[in-house]
């Protein structure tokens, strides 16, 4: 899965109550962390950037994924739009160019 990129475009996972979306996202990242084959990058854009800021319930597994070498790319335009510019706790703040580069280098792109 090293040549896989995961795109995160919402502040949770699926279309349900926010609590359930967050539970599912937390479980997804925890199970991904246990996987021996990690993605090369996880890209956060639109409301997905909210998962990377202070107070996010998925920060711990994301920090652990980053520590294992997974690049976490957070959209700077999205952070600015939501007024979250200085609240990111993980990853690199990049632009759409960084996200496109990660996608084009990947053999597979998964959107959650």
PDB file of N, CA and C in Angstrom:
ATOM      1  N   UNK A   1       0.828  -1.200   0.000  1.00  0.00           N
ATOM      2  CA  UNK A   1       0.000   0.000   0.000  1.00  0.00           C
ATOM      3  C   UNK A   1       0.870   1.259   0.000  1.00  0.00           C
ATOM      4  N   UNK A   2       2.184   1.084  -0.015  1.00  0.00           N
ATOM      5  CA  UNK A   2       3.104   2.215   0.071  1.00  0.00           C
ATOM      6  C   UNK A   2       2.897   3.213  -1.067  1.00  0.00           C
ATOM      7  N   UNK A   3       2.388   2.761  -2.188  1.00  0.00           N
ATOM      8  CA  UNK A   3       2.149   3.664  -3.311  1.00  0.00           C
ATOM      9  C   UNK A   3       0.682   4.108  -3.376  1.00  0.00           C
ATOM     10  N   UNK A   4       0.021   4.122  -2.213  1.00  0.00           N
ATOM     11  CA  UNK A   4      -1.370   4.533  -2.091  1.00  0.00           C
ATOM     12  C   UNK A   4      -1.463   5.857  -1.346  1.00  0.00           C
ATOM     13  N   UNK A   5      -2.387   6.692  -1.792  1.00  0.00           N
ATOM     14  CA  UNK A   5      -2.680   7.959  -1.120  1.00  0.00           C
ATOM     15  C   UNK A   5      -4.139   7.926  -0.686  1.00  0.00           C
ATOM     16  N   UNK A   6      -4.393   8.380   0.527  1.00  0.00           N
ATOM     17  CA  UNK A   6      -5.756   8.465   1.051  1.00  0.00           C
ATOM     18  C   UNK A   6      -6.152   9.932   1.099  1.00  0.00           C
ATOM     19  N   UNK A   7      -7.321  10.240   0.559  1.00  0.00           N
ATOM     20  CA  UNK A   7      -7.867  11.595   0.584  1.00  0.00           C
ATOM     21  C   UNK A   7      -8.962  11.667   1.633  1.00  0.00           C
ATOM     22  N   UNK A   8      -8.883  12.682   2.483  1.00  0.00           N
ATOM     23  CA  UNK A   8      -9.880  12.875   3.537  1.00  0.00           C
ATOM     24  C   UNK A   8     -10.538  14.228   3.286  1.00  0.00           C
ATOM     25  N   UNK A   9     -11.823  14.195   2.904  1.00  0.00           N
ATOM     26  CA  UNK A   9     -12.520  15.419   2.511  1.00  0.00           C
ATOM     27  C   UNK A   9     -13.639  15.814   3.461  1.00  0.00           C
ATOM     28  N   UNK A  10     -13.775  15.097   4.570  1.00  0.00           N
ATOM     29  CA  UNK A  10     -14.813  15.479   5.531  1.00  0.00           C
ATOM     30  C   UNK A  10     -14.266  15.354   6.944  1.00  0.00           C
ATOM     31  N   UNK A  11     -14.977  15.958   7.876  1.00  0.00           N
ATOM     32  CA  UNK A  11     -14.520  15.984   9.277  1.00  0.00           C
ATOM     33  C   UNK A  11     -14.917  14.716  10.016  1.00  0.00           C
ATOM     34  N   UNK A  12     -15.069  13.642   9.300  1.00  0.00           N
ATOM     35  CA  UNK A  12     -15.432  12.345   9.843  1.00  0.00           C
ATOM     36  C   UNK A  12     -15.449  11.362   8.696  1.00  0.00           C
ATOM     37  N   UNK A  13     -16.195  10.300   8.846  1.00  0.00           N
ATOM     38  CA  UNK A  13     -16.243   9.284   7.803  1.00  0.00           C
ATOM     39  C   UNK A  13     -17.688   8.891   7.549  1.00  0.00           C
ATOM     40  N   UNK A  14     -18.095   8.938   6.301  1.00  0.00           N
ATOM     41  CA  UNK A  14     -19.451   8.583   5.923  1.00  0.00           C
ATOM     42  C   UNK A  14     -20.420   9.737   6.067  1.00  0.00           C
ATOM     43  N   UNK A  15     -21.676   9.428   5.915  1.00  0.00           N
ATOM     44  CA  UNK A  15     -22.746  10.426   6.018  1.00  0.00           C
ATOM     45  C   UNK A  15     -23.690   9.989   7.124  1.00  0.00           C
ATOM     46  N   UNK A  16     -23.449  10.506   8.312  1.00  0.00           N
ATOM     47  CA  UNK A  16     -24.254  10.152   9.485  1.00  0.00           C
ATOM     48  C   UNK A  16     -24.094  11.270  10.503  1.00  0.00           C
ATOM     49  N   UNK A  17     -24.598  11.067  11.711  1.00  0.00           N
ATOM     50  CA  UNK A  17     -24.371  12.043  12.779  1.00  0.00           C
ATOM     51  C   UNK A  17     -22.871  12.223  12.955  1.00  0.00           C
ATOM     52  N   UNK A  18     -22.458  13.420  13.320  1.00  0.00           N
ATOM     53  CA  UNK A  18     -21.033  13.727  13.457  1.00  0.00           C
ATOM     54  C   UNK A  18     -20.333  12.792  14.436  1.00  0.00           C
ATOM     55  N   UNK A  19     -20.994  12.431  15.534  1.00  0.00           N
ATOM     56  CA  UNK A  19     -20.385  11.512  16.505  1.00  0.00           C
ATOM     57  C   UNK A  19     -20.027  10.175  15.861  1.00  0.00           C
ATOM     58  N   UNK A  20     -20.932   9.645  15.059  1.00  0.00           N
ATOM     59  CA  UNK A  20     -20.669   8.374  14.380  1.00  0.00           C
ATOM     60  C   UNK A  20     -19.573   8.548  13.333  1.00  0.00           C
ATOM     61  N   UNK A  21     -19.609   9.646  12.599  1.00  0.00           N
ATOM     62  CA  UNK A  21     -18.558   9.916  11.605  1.00  0.00           C
ATOM     63  C   UNK A  21     -17.176   9.934  12.260  1.00  0.00           C
ATOM     64  N   UNK A  22     -17.081  10.580  13.414  1.00  0.00           N
ATOM     65  CA  UNK A  22     -15.804  10.663  14.123  1.00  0.00           C
ATOM     66  C   UNK A  22     -15.370   9.313  14.673  1.00  0.00           C
ATOM     67  N   UNK A  23     -16.326   8.523  15.171  1.00  0.00           N
ATOM     68  CA  UNK A  23     -16.011   7.176  15.665  1.00  0.00           C
ATOM     69  C   UNK A  23     -15.456   6.313  14.535  1.00  0.00           C
ATOM     70  N   UNK A  24     -16.102   6.403  13.377  1.00  0.00           N
ATOM     71  CA  UNK A  24     -15.658   5.608  12.228  1.00  0.00           C
ATOM     72  C   UNK A  24     -14.274   6.049  11.762  1.00  0.00           C
ATOM     73  N   UNK A  25     -14.033   7.352  11.719  1.00  0.00           N
ATOM     74  CA  UNK A  25     -12.718   7.859  11.309  1.00  0.00           C
ATOM     75  C   UNK A  25     -11.639   7.395  12.284  1.00  0.00           C
ATOM     76  N   UNK A  26     -11.935   7.478  13.572  1.00  0.00           N
ATOM     77  CA  UNK A  26     -10.967   7.041  14.586  1.00  0.00           C
ATOM     78  C   UNK A  26     -10.641   5.561  14.413  1.00  0.00           C
ATOM     79  N   UNK A  27     -11.659   4.746  14.214  1.00  0.00           N
ATOM     80  CA  UNK A  27     -11.465   3.304  14.034  1.00  0.00           C
ATOM     81  C   UNK A  27     -10.666   3.029  12.759  1.00  0.00           C
ATOM     82  N   UNK A  28     -10.981   3.742  11.693  1.00  0.00           N
ATOM     83  CA  UNK A  28     -10.272   3.577  10.416  1.00  0.00           C
ATOM     84  C   UNK A  28      -8.772   3.841  10.601  1.00  0.00           C
ATOM     85  N   UNK A  29      -8.433   4.983  11.201  1.00  0.00           N
ATOM     86  CA  UNK A  29      -7.021   5.339  11.365  1.00  0.00           C
ATOM     87  C   UNK A  29      -6.313   4.397  12.341  1.00  0.00           C
ATOM     88  N   UNK A  30      -7.007   3.936  13.369  1.00  0.00           N
ATOM     89  CA  UNK A  30      -6.410   2.989  14.311  1.00  0.00           C
ATOM     90  C   UNK A  30      -6.100   1.657  13.620  1.00  0.00           C
ATOM     91  N   UNK A  31      -7.039   1.170  12.804  1.00  0.00           N
ATOM     92  CA  UNK A  31      -6.823  -0.084  12.085  1.00  0.00           C
ATOM     93  C   UNK A  31      -5.765   0.085  11.001  1.00  0.00           C
ATOM     94  N   UNK A  32      -5.754   1.233  10.354  1.00  0.00           N
ATOM     95  CA  UNK A  32      -4.730   1.518   9.344  1.00  0.00           C
ATOM     96  C   UNK A  32      -3.340   1.481   9.981  1.00  0.00           C
ATOM     97  N   UNK A  33      -3.246   2.013  11.171  1.00  0.00           N
ATOM     98  CA  UNK A  33      -1.989   2.038  11.915  1.00  0.00           C
ATOM     99  C   UNK A  33      -1.481   0.625  12.210  1.00  0.00           C
ATOM    100  N   UNK A  34      -2.403  -0.297  12.445  1.00  0.00           N
ATOM    101  CA  UNK A  34      -2.036  -1.685  12.735  1.00  0.00           C
ATOM    102  C   UNK A  34      -1.626  -2.463  11.490  1.00  0.00           C
ATOM    103  N   UNK A  35      -1.951  -1.908  10.333  1.00  0.00           N
ATOM    104  CA  UNK A  35      -1.653  -2.554   9.063  1.00  0.00           C
ATOM    105  C   UNK A  35      -0.153  -2.464   8.788  1.00  0.00           C
ATOM    106  N   UNK A  36       0.430  -3.536   8.315  1.00  0.00           N
ATOM    107  CA  UNK A  36       1.858  -3.536   7.990  1.00  0.00           C
ATOM    108  C   UNK A  36       2.166  -2.760   6.716  1.00  0.00           C
ATOM    109  N   UNK A  37       1.183  -2.535   5.901  1.00  0.00           N
ATOM    110  CA  UNK A  37       1.367  -1.837   4.638  1.00  0.00           C
ATOM    111  C   UNK A  37       0.658  -0.483   4.708  1.00  0.00           C
ATOM    112  N   UNK A  38       1.420   0.566   5.021  1.00  0.00           N
ATOM    113  CA  UNK A  38       0.850   1.900   5.214  1.00  0.00           C
ATOM    114  C   UNK A  38       0.833   2.693   3.914  1.00  0.00           C
ATOM    115  N   UNK A  39      -0.080   3.661   3.796  1.00  0.00           N
ATOM    116  CA  UNK A  39      -0.083   4.514   2.602  1.00  0.00           C
ATOM    117  C   UNK A  39       1.130   5.446   2.619  1.00  0.00           C
ATOM    118  N   UNK A  40       1.470   5.973   1.460  1.00  0.00           N
ATOM    119  CA  UNK A  40       2.581   6.924   1.401  1.00  0.00           C
ATOM    120  C   UNK A  40       2.162   8.286   1.932  1.00  0.00           C
ATOM    121  N   UNK A  41       0.880   8.628   1.751  1.00  0.00           N
ATOM    122  CA  UNK A  41       0.407   9.944   2.209  1.00  0.00           C
ATOM    123  C   UNK A  41      -1.089   9.899   2.508  1.00  0.00           C
ATOM    124  N   UNK A  42      -1.485  10.812   3.391  1.00  0.00           N
ATOM    125  CA  UNK A  42      -2.899  11.083   3.639  1.00  0.00           C
ATOM    126  C   UNK A  42      -3.071  12.583   3.442  1.00  0.00           C
ATOM    127  N   UNK A  43      -3.973  12.957   2.559  1.00  0.00           N
ATOM    128  CA  UNK A  43      -4.205  14.362   2.223  1.00  0.00           C
ATOM    129  C   UNK A  43      -5.546  14.808   2.795  1.00  0.00           C
ATOM    130  N   UNK A  44      -5.521  15.930   3.505  1.00  0.00           N
ATOM    131  CA  UNK A  44      -6.717  16.471   4.145  1.00  0.00           C
ATOM    132  C   UNK A  44      -7.104  17.768   3.447  1.00  0.00           C
ATOM    133  N   UNK A  45      -8.347  17.831   2.985  1.00  0.00           N
ATOM    134  CA  UNK A  45      -8.831  19.059   2.369  1.00  0.00           C
ATOM    135  C   UNK A  45     -10.298  19.249   2.709  1.00  0.00           C
ATOM    136  N   UNK A  46     -10.870  20.364   2.325  1.00  0.00           N
ATOM    137  CA  UNK A  46     -12.194  20.831   2.750  1.00  0.00           C
ATOM    138  C   UNK A  46     -12.334  20.593   4.255  1.00  0.00           C
ATOM    139  N   UNK A  47     -13.448  20.023   4.701  1.00  0.00           N
ATOM    140  CA  UNK A  47     -13.659  19.842   6.137  1.00  0.00           C
ATOM    141  C   UNK A  47     -12.734  18.799   6.758  1.00  0.00           C
ATOM    142  N   UNK A  48     -12.050  18.040   5.939  1.00  0.00           N
ATOM    143  CA  UNK A  48     -11.100  17.055   6.443  1.00  0.00           C
ATOM    144  C   UNK A  48      -9.977  17.679   7.256  1.00  0.00           C
ATOM    145  N   UNK A  49      -9.658  18.955   6.978  1.00  0.00           N
ATOM    146  CA  UNK A  49      -8.583  19.622   7.729  1.00  0.00           C
ATOM    147  C   UNK A  49      -8.921  19.721   9.212  1.00  0.00           C
ATOM    148  N   UNK A  50     -10.195  19.662   9.547  1.00  0.00           N
ATOM    149  CA  UNK A  50     -10.619  19.766  10.948  1.00  0.00           C
ATOM    150  C   UNK A  50     -10.144  18.573  11.781  1.00  0.00           C
ATOM    151  N   UNK A  51      -9.783  17.478  11.128  1.00  0.00           N
ATOM    152  CA  UNK A  51      -9.279  16.306  11.842  1.00  0.00           C
ATOM    153  C   UNK A  51      -7.837  16.499  12.298  1.00  0.00           C
ATOM    154  N   UNK A  52      -7.162  17.526  11.792  1.00  0.00           N
ATOM    155  CA  UNK A  52      -5.733  17.724  12.077  1.00  0.00           C
ATOM    156  C   UNK A  52      -5.463  18.818  13.103  1.00  0.00           C
ATOM    157  N   UNK A  53      -6.518  19.393  13.665  1.00  0.00           N
ATOM    158  CA  UNK A  53      -6.332  20.537  14.569  1.00  0.00           C
ATOM    159  C   UNK A  53      -6.466  20.126  16.035  1.00  0.00           C
ATOM    160  N   UNK A  54      -6.061  21.036  16.910  1.00  0.00           N
ATOM    161  CA  UNK A  54      -6.171  20.812  18.356  1.00  0.00           C
ATOM    162  C   UNK A  54      -7.594  20.402  18.720  1.00  0.00           C
ATOM    163  N   UNK A  55      -7.718  19.384  19.541  1.00  0.00           N
ATOM    164  CA  UNK A  55      -9.024  18.908  19.987  1.00  0.00           C
ATOM    165  C   UNK A  55      -9.614  17.802  19.138  1.00  0.00           C
ATOM    166  N   UNK A  56      -8.993  17.482  18.005  1.00  0.00           N
ATOM    167  CA  UNK A  56      -9.502  16.416  17.140  1.00  0.00           C
ATOM    168  C   UNK A  56      -9.399  15.075  17.865  1.00  0.00           C
ATOM    169  N   UNK A  57     -10.430  14.262  17.732  1.00  0.00           N
ATOM    170  CA  UNK A  57     -10.453  12.957  18.391  1.00  0.00           C
ATOM    171  C   UNK A  57      -9.581  11.923  17.679  1.00  0.00           C
ATOM    172  N   UNK A  58      -9.036  12.258  16.506  1.00  0.00           N
ATOM    173  CA  UNK A  58      -8.214  11.292  15.768  1.00  0.00           C
ATOM    174  C   UNK A  58      -6.740  11.704  15.711  1.00  0.00           C
ATOM    175  N   UNK A  59      -6.350  12.684  16.520  1.00  0.00           N
ATOM    176  CA  UNK A  59      -4.961  13.155  16.495  1.00  0.00           C
ATOM    177  C   UNK A  59      -3.953  12.064  16.853  1.00  0.00           C
ATOM    178  N   UNK A  60      -4.244  11.267  17.867  1.00  0.00           N
ATOM    179  CA  UNK A  60      -3.274  10.263  18.312  1.00  0.00           C
ATOM    180  C   UNK A  60      -2.934   9.247  17.227  1.00  0.00           C
ATOM    181  N   UNK A  61      -3.943   8.618  16.590  1.00  0.00           N
ATOM    182  CA  UNK A  61      -3.557   7.674  15.525  1.00  0.00           C
ATOM    183  C   UNK A  61      -2.894   8.377  14.346  1.00  0.00           C
ATOM    184  N   UNK A  62      -3.278   9.618  14.054  1.00  0.00           N
ATOM    185  CA  UNK A  62      -2.635  10.348  12.960  1.00  0.00           C
ATOM    186  C   UNK A  62      -1.179  10.668  13.309  1.00  0.00           C
ATOM    187  N   UNK A  63      -0.909  11.050  14.538  1.00  0.00           N
ATOM    188  CA  UNK A  63       0.473  11.290  14.969  1.00  0.00           C
ATOM    189  C   UNK A  63       1.300  10.011  14.846  1.00  0.00           C
ATOM    190  N   UNK A  64       0.706   8.897  15.223  1.00  0.00           N
ATOM    191  CA  UNK A  64       1.408   7.614  15.141  1.00  0.00           C
ATOM    192  C   UNK A  64       1.677   7.229  13.684  1.00  0.00           C
ATOM    193  N   UNK A  65       0.726   7.481  12.799  1.00  0.00           N
ATOM    194  CA  UNK A  65       0.934   7.203  11.376  1.00  0.00           C
ATOM    195  C   UNK A  65       2.061   8.074  10.827  1.00  0.00           C
ATOM    196  N   UNK A  66       2.066   9.341  11.220  1.00  0.00           N
ATOM    197  CA  UNK A  66       3.119  10.250  10.776  1.00  0.00           C
ATOM    198  C   UNK A  66       4.486   9.769  11.289  1.00  0.00           C
ATOM    199  N   UNK A  67       4.526   9.300  12.531  1.00  0.00           N
ATOM    200  CA  UNK A  67       5.771   8.799  13.116  1.00  0.00           C
ATOM    201  C   UNK A  67       6.282   7.566  12.369  1.00  0.00           C
ATOM    202  N   UNK A  68       5.379   6.830  11.724  1.00  0.00           N
ATOM    203  CA  UNK A  68       5.769   5.646  10.947  1.00  0.00           C
ATOM    204  C   UNK A  68       6.113   5.998   9.502  1.00  0.00           C
ATOM    205  N   UNK A  69       6.139   7.293   9.182  1.00  0.00           N
ATOM    206  CA  UNK A  69       6.572   7.706   7.849  1.00  0.00           C
ATOM    207  C   UNK A  69       5.488   8.077   6.869  1.00  0.00           C
ATOM    208  N   UNK A  70       4.235   8.075   7.284  1.00  0.00           N
ATOM    209  CA  UNK A  70       3.148   8.480   6.392  1.00  0.00           C
ATOM    210  C   UNK A  70       3.126  10.009   6.318  1.00  0.00           C
ATOM    211  N   UNK A  71       3.211  10.547   5.116  1.00  0.00           N
ATOM    212  CA  UNK A  71       3.140  12.002   4.946  1.00  0.00           C
ATOM    213  C   UNK A  71       1.696  12.461   5.125  1.00  0.00           C
ATOM    214  N   UNK A  72       1.499  13.441   5.988  1.00  0.00           N
ATOM    215  CA  UNK A  72       0.178  14.021   6.200  1.00  0.00           C
ATOM    216  C   UNK A  72       0.214  15.420   5.595  1.00  0.00           C
ATOM    217  N   UNK A  73      -0.599  15.640   4.570  1.00  0.00           N
ATOM    218  CA  UNK A  73      -0.609  16.915   3.854  1.00  0.00           C
ATOM    219  C   UNK A  73      -1.946  17.606   4.120  1.00  0.00           C
ATOM    220  N   UNK A  74      -1.874  18.825   4.641  1.00  0.00           N
ATOM    221  CA  UNK A  74      -3.078  19.572   5.013  1.00  0.00           C
ATOM    222  C   UNK A  74      -3.201  20.787   4.101  1.00  0.00           C
ATOM    223  N   UNK A  75      -4.354  20.962   3.498  1.00  0.00           N
ATOM    224  CA  UNK A  75      -4.611  22.046   2.546  1.00  0.00           C
ATOM    225  C   UNK A  75      -4.607  23.414   3.238  1.00  0.00           C
ATOM    226  N   UNK A  76      -3.674  24.271   2.844  1.00  0.00           N
ATOM    227  CA  UNK A  76      -3.563  25.604   3.448  1.00  0.00           C
ATOM    228  C   UNK A  76      -4.764  26.486   3.112  1.00  0.00           C
ATOM    229  N   UNK A  77      -5.296  26.377   1.906  1.00  0.00           N
ATOM    230  CA  UNK A  77      -6.460  27.176   1.513  1.00  0.00           C
ATOM    231  C   UNK A  77      -7.666  26.826   2.382  1.00  0.00           C
ATOM    232  N   UNK A  78      -7.819  25.542   2.674  1.00  0.00           N
ATOM    233  CA  UNK A  78      -8.945  25.085   3.491  1.00  0.00           C
ATOM    234  C   UNK A  78      -8.789  25.548   4.933  1.00  0.00           C
ATOM    235  N   UNK A  79      -7.576  25.454   5.467  1.00  0.00           N
ATOM    236  CA  UNK A  79      -7.332  25.940   6.826  1.00  0.00           C
ATOM    237  C   UNK A  79      -7.671  27.420   6.922  1.00  0.00           C
ATOM    238  N   UNK A  80      -7.239  28.181   5.923  1.00  0.00           N
ATOM    239  CA  UNK A  80      -7.513  29.624   5.912  1.00  0.00           C
ATOM    240  C   UNK A  80      -9.016  29.886   5.820  1.00  0.00           C
ATOM    241  N   UNK A  81      -9.696  29.140   4.967  1.00  0.00           N
ATOM    242  CA  UNK A  81     -11.140  29.318   4.784  1.00  0.00           C
ATOM    243  C   UNK A  81     -11.902  29.124   6.100  1.00  0.00           C
ATOM    244  N   UNK A  82     -11.508  28.104   6.864  1.00  0.00           N
ATOM    245  CA  UNK A  82     -12.184  27.817   8.131  1.00  0.00           C
ATOM    246  C   UNK A  82     -11.591  28.587   9.312  1.00  0.00           C
ATOM    247  N   UNK A  83     -10.586  29.422   9.063  1.00  0.00           N
ATOM    248  CA  UNK A  83      -9.968  30.197  10.136  1.00  0.00           C
ATOM    249  C   UNK A  83      -9.169  29.337  11.096  1.00  0.00           C
ATOM    250  N   UNK A  84      -8.560  28.275  10.592  1.00  0.00           N
ATOM    251  CA  UNK A  84      -7.829  27.318  11.417  1.00  0.00           C
ATOM    252  C   UNK A  84      -6.325  27.340  11.146  1.00  0.00           C
ATOM    253  N   UNK A  85      -5.834  28.396  10.551  1.00  0.00           N
ATOM    254  CA  UNK A  85      -4.445  28.481  10.086  1.00  0.00           C
ATOM    255  C   UNK A  85      -3.413  28.035  11.097  1.00  0.00           C
ATOM    256  N   UNK A  86      -3.553  28.384  12.346  1.00  0.00           N
ATOM    257  CA  UNK A  86      -2.503  28.118  13.326  1.00  0.00           C
ATOM    258  C   UNK A  86      -2.884  27.029  14.322  1.00  0.00           C
ATOM    259  N   UNK A  87      -3.855  26.198  13.959  1.00  0.00           N
ATOM    260  CA  UNK A  87      -4.321  25.184  14.898  1.00  0.00           C
ATOM    261  C   UNK A  87      -3.910  23.764  14.528  1.00  0.00           C
ATOM    262  N   UNK A  88      -3.205  23.592  13.417  1.00  0.00           N
ATOM    263  CA  UNK A  88      -2.805  22.232  13.032  1.00  0.00           C
ATOM    264  C   UNK A  88      -1.807  21.676  14.037  1.00  0.00           C
ATOM    265  N   UNK A  89      -1.941  20.402  14.318  1.00  0.00           N
ATOM    266  CA  UNK A  89      -1.105  19.721  15.302  1.00  0.00           C
ATOM    267  C   UNK A  89      -0.178  18.687  14.664  1.00  0.00           C
ATOM    268  N   UNK A  90      -0.411  18.392  13.400  1.00  0.00           N
ATOM    269  CA  UNK A  90       0.340  17.335  12.723  1.00  0.00           C
ATOM    270  C   UNK A  90       0.553  17.716  11.269  1.00  0.00           C
ATOM    271  N   UNK A  91       1.395  16.960  10.614  1.00  0.00           N
ATOM    272  CA  UNK A  91       1.548  17.063   9.171  1.00  0.00           C
ATOM    273  C   UNK A  91       2.229  18.317   8.681  1.00  0.00           C
ATOM    274  N   UNK A  92       2.189  18.460   7.359  1.00  0.00           N
ATOM    275  CA  UNK A  92       2.723  19.647   6.715  1.00  0.00           C
ATOM    276  C   UNK A  92       1.571  20.410   6.076  1.00  0.00           C
ATOM    277  N   UNK A  93       1.594  21.705   6.230  1.00  0.00           N
ATOM    278  CA  UNK A  93       0.587  22.536   5.587  1.00  0.00           C
ATOM    279  C   UNK A  93       1.095  22.810   4.183  1.00  0.00           C
ATOM    280  N   UNK A  94       0.333  22.380   3.216  1.00  0.00           N
ATOM    281  CA  UNK A  94       0.728  22.525   1.824  1.00  0.00           C
ATOM    282  C   UNK A  94      -0.412  23.065   0.991  1.00  0.00           C
ATOM    283  N   UNK A  95      -0.151  23.141  -0.269  1.00  0.00           N
ATOM    284  CA  UNK A  95      -1.170  23.629  -1.189  1.00  0.00           C
ATOM    285  C   UNK A  95      -1.728  22.507  -2.038  1.00  0.00           C
ATOM    286  N   UNK A  96      -2.599  22.874  -2.934  1.00  0.00           N
ATOM    287  CA  UNK A  96      -3.195  21.891  -3.831  1.00  0.00           C
ATOM    288  C   UNK A  96      -2.117  21.231  -4.694  1.00  0.00           C
ATOM    289  N   UNK A  97      -1.033  21.958  -4.966  1.00  0.00           N
ATOM    290  CA  UNK A  97       0.067  21.381  -5.736  1.00  0.00           C
ATOM    291  C   UNK A  97       0.652  20.162  -5.027  1.00  0.00           C
ATOM    292  N   UNK A  98       0.792  20.243  -3.707  1.00  0.00           N
ATOM    293  CA  UNK A  98       1.315  19.108  -2.929  1.00  0.00           C
ATOM    294  C   UNK A  98       0.365  17.917  -2.981  1.00  0.00           C
ATOM    295  N   UNK A  99      -0.922  18.194  -2.921  1.00  0.00           N
ATOM    296  CA  UNK A  99      -1.923  17.117  -2.975  1.00  0.00           C
ATOM    297  C   UNK A  99      -1.921  16.472  -4.360  1.00  0.00           C
ATOM    298  N   UNK A 100      -1.863  17.296  -5.405  1.00  0.00           N
ATOM    299  CA  UNK A 100      -1.822  16.762  -6.775  1.00  0.00           C
ATOM    300  C   UNK A 100      -0.563  15.925  -6.981  1.00  0.00           C
ATOM    301  N   UNK A 101       0.561  16.398  -6.468  1.00  0.00           N
ATOM    302  CA  UNK A 101       1.812  15.641  -6.605  1.00  0.00           C
ATOM    303  C   UNK A 101       1.700  14.277  -5.937  1.00  0.00           C
ATOM    304  N   UNK A 102       1.142  14.245  -4.732  1.00  0.00           N
ATOM    305  CA  UNK A 102       0.960  12.962  -4.029  1.00  0.00           C
ATOM    306  C   UNK A 102       0.049  12.037  -4.830  1.00  0.00           C
ATOM    307  N   UNK A 103      -1.026  12.589  -5.395  1.00  0.00           N
ATOM    308  CA  UNK A 103      -1.959  11.776  -6.178  1.00  0.00           C
ATOM    309  C   UNK A 103      -1.310  11.222  -7.440  1.00  0.00           C
ATOM    310  N   UNK A 104      -0.574  12.064  -8.149  1.00  0.00           N
ATOM    311  CA  UNK A 104       0.003  11.619  -9.418  1.00  0.00           C
ATOM    312  C   UNK A 104       1.113  10.594  -9.222  1.00  0.00           C
ATOM    313  N   UNK A 105       1.777  10.615  -8.089  1.00  0.00           N
ATOM    314  CA  UNK A 105       2.829   9.634  -7.798  1.00  0.00           C
ATOM    315  C   UNK A 105       2.245   8.307  -7.312  1.00  0.00           C
ATOM    316  N   UNK A 106       0.985   8.338  -6.886  1.00  0.00           N
ATOM    317  CA  UNK A 106       0.352   7.145  -6.313  1.00  0.00           C
ATOM    318  C   UNK A 106      -0.169   6.199  -7.395  1.00  0.00           C
ATOM    319  N   UNK A 107      -0.059   4.921  -7.112  1.00  0.00           N
ATOM    320  CA  UNK A 107      -0.661   3.908  -7.989  1.00  0.00           C
ATOM    321  C   UNK A 107      -2.160   3.807  -7.715  1.00  0.00           C
ATOM    322  N   UNK A 108      -2.549   4.135  -6.476  1.00  0.00           N
ATOM    323  CA  UNK A 108      -3.959   4.048  -6.081  1.00  0.00           C
ATOM    324  C   UNK A 108      -4.297   5.202  -5.169  1.00  0.00           C
ATOM    325  N   UNK A 109      -5.479   5.811  -5.370  1.00  0.00           N
ATOM    326  CA  UNK A 109      -5.974   6.895  -4.523  1.00  0.00           C
ATOM    327  C   UNK A 109      -7.303   6.451  -3.936  1.00  0.00           C
ATOM    328  N   UNK A 110      -7.414   6.523  -2.613  1.00  0.00           N
ATOM    329  CA  UNK A 110      -8.626   6.123  -1.904  1.00  0.00           C
ATOM    330  C   UNK A 110      -9.201   7.362  -1.230  1.00  0.00           C
ATOM    331  N   UNK A 111     -10.491   7.613  -1.432  1.00  0.00           N
ATOM    332  CA  UNK A 111     -11.162   8.720  -0.762  1.00  0.00           C
ATOM    333  C   UNK A 111     -12.051   8.165   0.323  1.00  0.00           C
ATOM    334  N   UNK A 112     -11.883   8.716   1.549  1.00  0.00           N
ATOM    335  CA  UNK A 112     -12.761   8.271   2.636  1.00  0.00           C
ATOM    336  C   UNK A 112     -13.605   9.448   3.114  1.00  0.00           C
TER     337      UNK A 112
END
